[in-house]
C-alpha atoms as a PDB file:
ATOM      1  CA  MET A   1       1.846   8.402 -16.512  1.00  0.00           C
ATOM      2  CA  ASN A   2       0.444   9.815 -13.411  1.00  0.00           C
ATOM      3  CA  VAL A   3       2.248  10.908 -10.234  1.00  0.00           C
ATOM      4  CA  TYR A   4       1.202   7.765  -8.330  1.00  0.00           C
ATOM      5  CA  GLY A   5       2.513   5.364 -11.163  1.00  0.00           C
ATOM      6  CA  LEU A   6       5.834   7.390 -11.344  1.00  0.00           C
ATOM      7  CA  ALA A   7       6.103   7.056  -7.582  1.00  0.00           C
ATOM      8  CA  LYS A   8       5.438   3.282  -7.667  1.00  0.00           C
ATOM      9  CA  ASP A   9       7.979   2.913 -10.332  1.00  0.00           C
ATOM     10  CA  PHE A  10      10.588   4.841  -8.272  1.00  0.00           C
ATOM     11  CA  PHE A  11       9.848   2.588  -5.194  1.00  0.00           C
ATOM     12  CA  VAL A  12       9.902  -0.716  -6.962  1.00  0.00           C
ATOM     13  CA  ASN A  13      13.121   0.358  -8.615  1.00  0.00           C
ATOM     14  CA  ASN A  14      14.740   1.322  -5.246  1.00  0.00           C
ATOM     15  CA  LEU A  15      14.017  -2.268  -3.892  1.00  0.00           C
ATOM     16  CA  GLN A  16      16.417  -3.818  -6.241  1.00  0.00           C
ATOM     17  CA  PHE A  17      19.447  -1.949  -4.544  1.00  0.00           C
ATOM     18  CA  GLU A  18      18.196  -2.694  -0.964  1.00  0.00           C
ATOM     19  CA  PRO A  19      18.969  -6.313  -0.273  1.00  0.00           C
ATOM     20  CA  LYS A  20      18.009  -5.652   3.530  1.00  0.00           C
ATOM     21  CA  VAL A  21      14.623  -4.944   2.434  1.00  0.00           C
ATOM     22  CA  LEU A  22      14.275  -8.039   0.231  1.00  0.00           C
ATOM     23  CA  GLU A  23      15.692 -10.127   3.244  1.00  0.00           C
ATOM     24  CA  TYR A  24      13.103  -8.553   5.511  1.00  0.00           C
ATOM     25  CA  LEU A  25      10.096  -9.331   3.130  1.00  0.00           C
ATOM     26  CA  ASN A  26      11.577 -12.790   2.667  1.00  0.00           C
ATOM     27  CA  GLY A  27      11.853 -13.240   6.377  1.00  0.00           C
ATOM     28  CA  ARG A  28       8.128 -12.337   6.667  1.00  0.00           C
ATOM     29  CA  GLY A  29       7.492 -15.110   4.259  1.00  0.00           C
ATOM     30  CA  LEU A  30       6.961 -13.343   0.906  1.00  0.00           C
ATOM     31  CA  SER A  31       8.232 -14.587  -2.286  1.00  0.00           C
ATOM     32  CA  LEU A  32       9.755 -12.423  -4.884  1.00  0.00           C
ATOM     33  CA  GLU A  33       6.892 -13.126  -7.085  1.00  0.00           C
ATOM     34  CA  THR A  34       4.385 -11.817  -4.686  1.00  0.00           C
ATOM     35  CA  THR A  35       6.422  -8.780  -4.061  1.00  0.00           C
ATOM     36  CA  LYS A  36       6.279  -7.978  -7.766  1.00  0.00           C
ATOM     37  CA  LYS A  37       2.793  -9.014  -8.281  1.00  0.00           C
ATOM     38  CA  PHE A  38       1.677  -6.309  -5.622  1.00  0.00           C
ATOM     39  CA  GLU A  39       4.386  -3.863  -6.649  1.00  0.00           C
ATOM     40  CA  ILE A  40       5.814  -3.601  -3.278  1.00  0.00           C
ATOM     41  CA  GLY A  41       8.858  -1.003  -3.038  1.00  0.00           C
ATOM     42  CA  TYR A  42      11.002   0.850  -0.907  1.00  0.00           C
ATOM     43  CA  ALA A  43      11.153   4.578  -0.200  1.00  0.00           C
ATOM     44  CA  LEU A  44      14.721   5.757   0.349  1.00  0.00           C
ATOM     45  CA  ASP A  45      16.052   7.472   3.551  1.00  0.00           C
ATOM     46  CA  SER A  46      15.885  10.948   1.926  1.00  0.00           C
ATOM     47  CA  PHE A  47      13.792  14.146   2.379  1.00  0.00           C
ATOM     48  CA  ASN A  48      13.836  14.698  -1.451  1.00  0.00           C
ATOM     49  CA  GLY A  49      14.534  11.527  -3.296  1.00  0.00           C
ATOM     50  CA  LEU A  50      10.890  10.883  -4.602  1.00  0.00           C
ATOM     51  CA  GLN A  51      10.429  14.627  -5.104  1.00  0.00           C
ATOM     52  CA  ASN A  52      13.403  14.895  -7.326  1.00  0.00           C
ATOM     53  CA  HIS A  53      12.435  11.788  -9.443  1.00  0.00           C
ATOM     54  CA  LEU A  54       8.912  13.225  -9.925  1.00  0.00           C
ATOM     55  CA  ARG A  55      10.301  16.633 -10.828  1.00  0.00           C
ATOM     56  CA  ARG A  56      12.563  15.107 -13.383  1.00  0.00           C
ATOM     57  CA  ASN A  57       9.476  13.530 -14.740  1.00  0.00           C
ATOM     58  CA  ASN A  58       7.858  16.966 -15.289  1.00  0.00           C
ATOM     59  CA  ILE A  59       5.474  16.759 -12.442  1.00  0.00           C
ATOM     60  CA  LYS A  60       4.687  20.235 -11.299  1.00  0.00           C
ATOM     61  CA  ALA A  61       4.894  21.650  -7.806  1.00  0.00           C
ATOM     62  CA  ASP A  62       1.118  22.311  -7.509  1.00  0.00           C
ATOM     63  CA  VAL A  63       0.508  18.582  -8.085  1.00  0.00           C
ATOM     64  CA  LEU A  64       3.076  17.377  -5.835  1.00  0.00           C
ATOM     65  CA  ALA A  65       1.544  19.547  -3.069  1.00  0.00           C
ATOM     66  CA  VAL A  66      -1.870  17.802  -3.306  1.00  0.00           C
ATOM     67  CA  SER A  67      -0.739  14.278  -3.997  1.00  0.00           C
ATOM     68  CA  GLY A  68      -0.438  13.255  -0.271  1.00  0.00           C
ATOM     69  CA  LEU A  69       3.069  12.099  -0.823  1.00  0.00           C
ATOM     70  CA  PHE A  70       4.878  15.275   0.622  1.00  0.00           C
ATOM     71  CA  GLY A  71       4.741  17.279   3.778  1.00  0.00           C
ATOM     72  CA  GLN A  72       5.387  20.958   3.810  1.00  0.00           C
ATOM     73  CA  LYS A  73       7.543  23.238   6.136  1.00  0.00           C
ATOM     74  CA  ASN A  74       8.262  26.654   5.434  1.00  0.00           C
ATOM     75  CA  ASP A  75       7.071  26.684   1.998  1.00  0.00           C
ATOM     76  CA  ARG A  76       9.159  23.605   1.147  1.00  0.00           C
ATOM     77  CA  LEU A  77       7.943  20.165   0.193  1.00  0.00           C
ATOM     78  CA  TYR A  78       9.608  17.020   1.785  1.00  0.00           C
ATOM     79  CA  ASP A  79       9.120  13.121   1.203  1.00  0.00           C
ATOM     80  CA  ILE A  80       6.896  11.743   3.820  1.00  0.00           C
ATOM     81  CA  PHE A  81       7.744   8.409   3.134  1.00  0.00           C
ATOM     82  CA  ARG A  82      11.404   7.642   4.139  1.00  0.00           C
ATOM     83  CA  ASN A  83      13.175   4.452   4.784  1.00  0.00           C
ATOM     84  CA  ARG A  84       9.865   2.392   4.513  1.00  0.00           C
ATOM     85  CA  ILE A  85       8.694  -0.488   2.725  1.00  0.00           C
ATOM     86  CA  MET A  86       6.071   0.805   0.262  1.00  0.00           C
ATOM     87  CA  PHE A  87       2.658  -0.854  -0.542  1.00  0.00           C
ATOM     88  CA  PRO A  88       0.756   0.925  -3.246  1.00  0.00           C
ATOM     89  CA  ILE A  89      -3.026   0.887  -2.754  1.00  0.00           C
ATOM     90  CA  HIS A  90      -5.080   0.370  -5.690  1.00  0.00           C
ATOM     91  CA  SER A  91      -8.654   1.309  -6.714  1.00  0.00           C
ATOM     92  CA  LEU A  92     -11.105  -1.548  -7.774  1.00  0.00           C
ATOM     93  CA  ASN A  93     -10.033  -0.894 -11.400  1.00  0.00           C
ATOM     94  CA  GLY A  94      -6.334  -1.069 -10.652  1.00  0.00           C
ATOM     95  CA  LYS A  95      -5.245   2.377 -10.471  1.00  0.00           C
ATOM     96  CA  ILE A  96      -2.815   3.418  -7.641  1.00  0.00           C
ATOM     97  CA  VAL A  97      -4.686   5.873  -5.386  1.00  0.00           C
ATOM     98  CA  ALA A  98      -2.428   6.001  -2.323  1.00  0.00           C
ATOM     99  CA  PHE A  99       0.350   4.383  -0.555  1.00  0.00           C
ATOM    100  CA  GLY A 100       1.199   2.783   2.838  1.00  0.00           C
ATOM    101  CA  GLY A 101       4.564   2.818   4.146  1.00  0.00           C
ATOM    102  CA  ARG A 102       6.025   0.323   6.927  1.00  0.00           C
ATOM    103  CA  VAL A 103       9.088   0.849   8.957  1.00  0.00           C
ATOM    104  CA  LEU A 104      11.858  -2.058   8.627  1.00  0.00           C
ATOM    105  CA  SER A 105      12.756  -1.998  12.587  1.00  0.00           C
ATOM    106  CA  LYS A 106      10.969  -1.533  15.810  1.00  0.00           C
ATOM    107  CA  ASN A 107      13.355   1.256  16.962  1.00  0.00           C
ATOM    108  CA  GLN A 108      12.759   3.127  13.708  1.00  0.00           C
ATOM    109  CA  GLY A 109      10.901   6.470  14.564  1.00  0.00           C
ATOM    110  CA  GLY A 110       7.890   7.993  12.922  1.00  0.00           C
ATOM    111  CA  GLY A 111       5.262   5.167  13.811  1.00  0.00           C
ATOM    112  CA  LYS A 112       5.055   1.705  12.484  1.00  0.00           C
ATOM    113  CA  TYR A 113       2.970   2.768   9.585  1.00  0.00           C
ATOM    114  CA  ILE A 114       2.484   5.857   7.614  1.00  0.00           C
ATOM    115  CA  ASN A 115      -0.558   6.205   5.221  1.00  0.00           C
ATOM    116  CA  SER A 116      -1.444   8.631   2.461  1.00  0.00           C
ATOM    117  CA  PRO A 117      -3.799  11.141   3.757  1.00  0.00           C
ATOM    118  CA  THR A 118      -7.194  11.629   2.277  1.00  0.00           C
ATOM    119  CA  THR A 119      -7.133  13.170  -1.107  1.00  0.00           C
ATOM    120  CA  ASP A 120      -9.661  13.858  -3.858  1.00  0.00           C
ATOM    121  CA  ILE A 121      -9.264  10.083  -5.066  1.00  0.00           C
ATOM    122  CA  TYR A 122      -8.379   8.369  -1.866  1.00  0.00           C
ATOM    123  CA  HIS A 123     -10.569   7.910   1.358  1.00  0.00           C
ATOM    124  CA  LYS A 124      -8.976   5.018   3.356  1.00  0.00           C
ATOM    125  CA  GLY A 125     -12.415   3.575   4.700  1.00  0.00           C
ATOM    126  CA  ASP A 126     -13.595   3.302   1.005  1.00  0.00           C
ATOM    127  CA  GLN A 127     -10.885   0.918  -0.371  1.00  0.00           C
ATOM    128  CA  LEU A 128      -9.594  -2.477   0.353  1.00  0.00           C
ATOM    129  CA  TYR A 129      -5.944  -3.773  -0.175  1.00  0.00           C
ATOM    130  CA  GLY A 130      -5.532  -6.249  -2.780  1.00  0.00           C
ATOM    131  CA  LEU A 131      -9.347  -6.363  -4.141  1.00  0.00           C
ATOM    132  CA  HIS A 132      -8.161  -5.351  -7.511  1.00  0.00           C
ATOM    133  CA  LEU A 133      -6.403  -8.816  -7.931  1.00  0.00           C
ATOM    134  CA  THR A 134      -8.519 -10.854  -5.684  1.00  0.00           C
ATOM    135  CA  LYS A 135     -12.032 -10.028  -6.728  1.00  0.00           C
ATOM    136  CA  TYR A 136     -12.645 -12.732  -9.039  1.00  0.00           C
ATOM    137  CA  GLU A 137     -11.227 -15.357  -6.721  1.00  0.00           C
ATOM    138  CA  ILE A 138     -13.541 -14.089  -4.115  1.00  0.00           C
ATOM    139  CA  SER A 139     -16.658 -14.428  -6.445  1.00  0.00           C
ATOM    140  CA  LYS A 140     -15.285 -17.961  -7.518  1.00  0.00           C
ATOM    141  CA  LYS A 141     -14.867 -19.220  -3.937  1.00  0.00           C
ATOM    142  CA  LYS A 142     -17.941 -17.375  -2.574  1.00  0.00           C
ATOM    143  CA  PHE A 143     -16.357 -16.110   0.495  1.00  0.00           C
ATOM    144  CA  VAL A 144     -13.645 -13.415   1.449  1.00  0.00           C
ATOM    145  CA  ILE A 145     -11.229 -13.545   4.191  1.00  0.00           C
ATOM    146  CA  ILE A 146     -10.580 -10.018   5.678  1.00  0.00           C
ATOM    147  CA  SER A 147      -7.594  -9.210   7.448  1.00  0.00           C
ATOM    148  CA  GLU A 148      -6.197  -5.884   8.898  1.00  0.00           C
ATOM    149  CA  GLY A 149      -2.838  -4.956   7.350  1.00  0.00           C
ATOM    150  CA  TYR A 150      -0.879  -5.251   4.110  1.00  0.00           C
ATOM    151  CA  LEU A 151       1.395  -7.951   5.511  1.00  0.00           C
ATOM    152  CA  ASP A 152      -1.230  -9.882   6.958  1.00  0.00           C
ATOM    153  CA  PHE A 153      -3.023 -10.019   3.595  1.00  0.00           C
ATOM    154  CA  LEU A 154       0.032 -10.612   1.650  1.00  0.00           C
ATOM    155  CA  ARG A 155       0.937 -13.696   3.995  1.00  0.00           C
ATOM    156  CA  LEU A 156      -2.680 -15.072   3.347  1.00  0.00           C
ATOM    157  CA  TYR A 157      -2.054 -14.639  -0.443  1.00  0.00           C
ATOM    158  CA  GLU A 158       1.207 -16.162  -0.461  1.00  0.00           C
ATOM    159  CA  ASN A 159      -0.090 -19.256   1.200  1.00  0.00           C
ATOM    160  CA  GLY A 160      -3.009 -19.783  -1.301  1.00  0.00           C
ATOM    161  CA  PHE A 161      -5.678 -17.695   0.117  1.00  0.00           C
ATOM    162  CA  THR A 162      -6.216 -15.579  -2.775  1.00  0.00           C
ATOM    163  CA  ASN A 163      -9.842 -14.784  -1.975  1.00  0.00           C
ATOM    164  CA  SER A 164      -8.459 -12.265   0.713  1.00  0.00           C
ATOM    165  CA  VAL A 165      -8.393  -8.418   1.248  1.00  0.00           C
ATOM    166  CA  ALA A 166      -7.227  -6.134   3.918  1.00  0.00           C
ATOM    167  CA  SER A 167      -9.224  -3.389   5.477  1.00  0.00           C
ATOM    168  CA  LEU A 168      -6.247  -0.995   5.634  1.00  0.00           C
ATOM    169  CA  GLY A 169      -5.793  -1.264   9.326  1.00  0.00           C
ATOM    170  CA  THR A 170      -9.114   0.246   9.969  1.00  0.00           C
ATOM    171  CA  SER A 171     -12.322  -1.276  11.403  1.00  0.00           C
ATOM    172  CA  LEU A 172     -14.414  -2.692   8.623  1.00  0.00           C
ATOM    173  CA  THR A 173     -16.520   0.143   7.122  1.00  0.00           C
ATOM    174  CA  GLU A 174     -19.947   0.169   5.555  1.00  0.00           C
ATOM    175  CA  LYS A 175     -18.548   1.371   2.380  1.00  0.00           C
ATOM    176  CA  GLN A 176     -16.066  -1.654   2.364  1.00  0.00           C
ATOM    177  CA  VAL A 177     -18.814  -4.034   3.324  1.00  0.00           C
ATOM    178  CA  ARG A 178     -20.942  -2.812   0.397  1.00  0.00           C
ATOM    179  CA  LEU A 179     -17.927  -3.248  -1.961  1.00  0.00           C
ATOM    180  CA  LEU A 180     -17.323  -6.700  -0.939  1.00  0.00           C
ATOM    181  CA  SER A 181     -20.981  -7.478  -1.265  1.00  0.00           C
ATOM    182  CA  ARG A 182     -20.628  -7.210  -5.113  1.00  0.00           C
ATOM    183  CA  TYR A 183     -18.490 -10.532  -5.008  1.00  0.00           C
ATOM    184  CA  THR A 184     -19.800 -12.520  -2.101  1.00  0.00           C
ATOM    185  CA  GLU A 185     -22.228 -12.641   1.078  1.00  0.00           C
ATOM    186  CA  GLU A 186     -19.897 -14.463   3.320  1.00  0.00           C
ATOM    187  CA  PHE A 187     -17.119 -12.821   5.219  1.00  0.00           C
ATOM    188  CA  VAL A 188     -14.386 -14.415   7.452  1.00  0.00           C
ATOM    189  CA  ILE A 189     -12.887 -11.783   9.556  1.00  0.00           C
ATOM    190  CA  LEU A 190      -9.361 -12.566  10.578  1.00  0.00           C
ATOM    191  CA  TYR A 191      -8.172  -9.578  12.557  1.00  0.00           C
ATOM    192  CA  ASP A 192      -5.198  -9.481  14.923  1.00  0.00           C
ATOM    193  CA  GLY A 193      -5.738 -10.417  18.663  1.00  0.00           C
ATOM    194  CA  ASP A 194      -4.340  -7.290  19.921  1.00  0.00           C
ATOM    195  CA  ASN A 195      -6.121  -4.530  22.021  1.00  0.00           C
END
């Protein structure tokens, strides 16, 4: 199993021990079924929880350093995702290529979202959140609903709009449009009304 699969398992496992996170997700209108389907998890409030887990699973330091899951200070790695709801980002074929982490409360530091940096296998503007599971519904229904973020998408999906995707908080890119064009020619853009 690769580093991202192991990280996903770690985050998903953590979720069962954090009722506050499950309550938060439920309060945002997400069922346990949807949470499981999209492999949503939780990053511990720890600088080395994920790192220790991956090292126990024989992932080498050089792999950790380029994974996009860790920062580095004074030649020491630390978990960049801490005390956050974790959303694995899948490629079109369903492989995890990155993660997004969201704070649980407004007064939590570090920005509302932290996303994996660009790596050899992940470029934010090339992916669409949820497409690995919704591409067939998009083809069947002949249109796609495009939202901005993970939770926007998940709320749509939860409420029966299974022909949706999220553009990962970015403006819709040309590569994302080309990717969606494989499945439909009709796009409905449902972005937030904020500035």
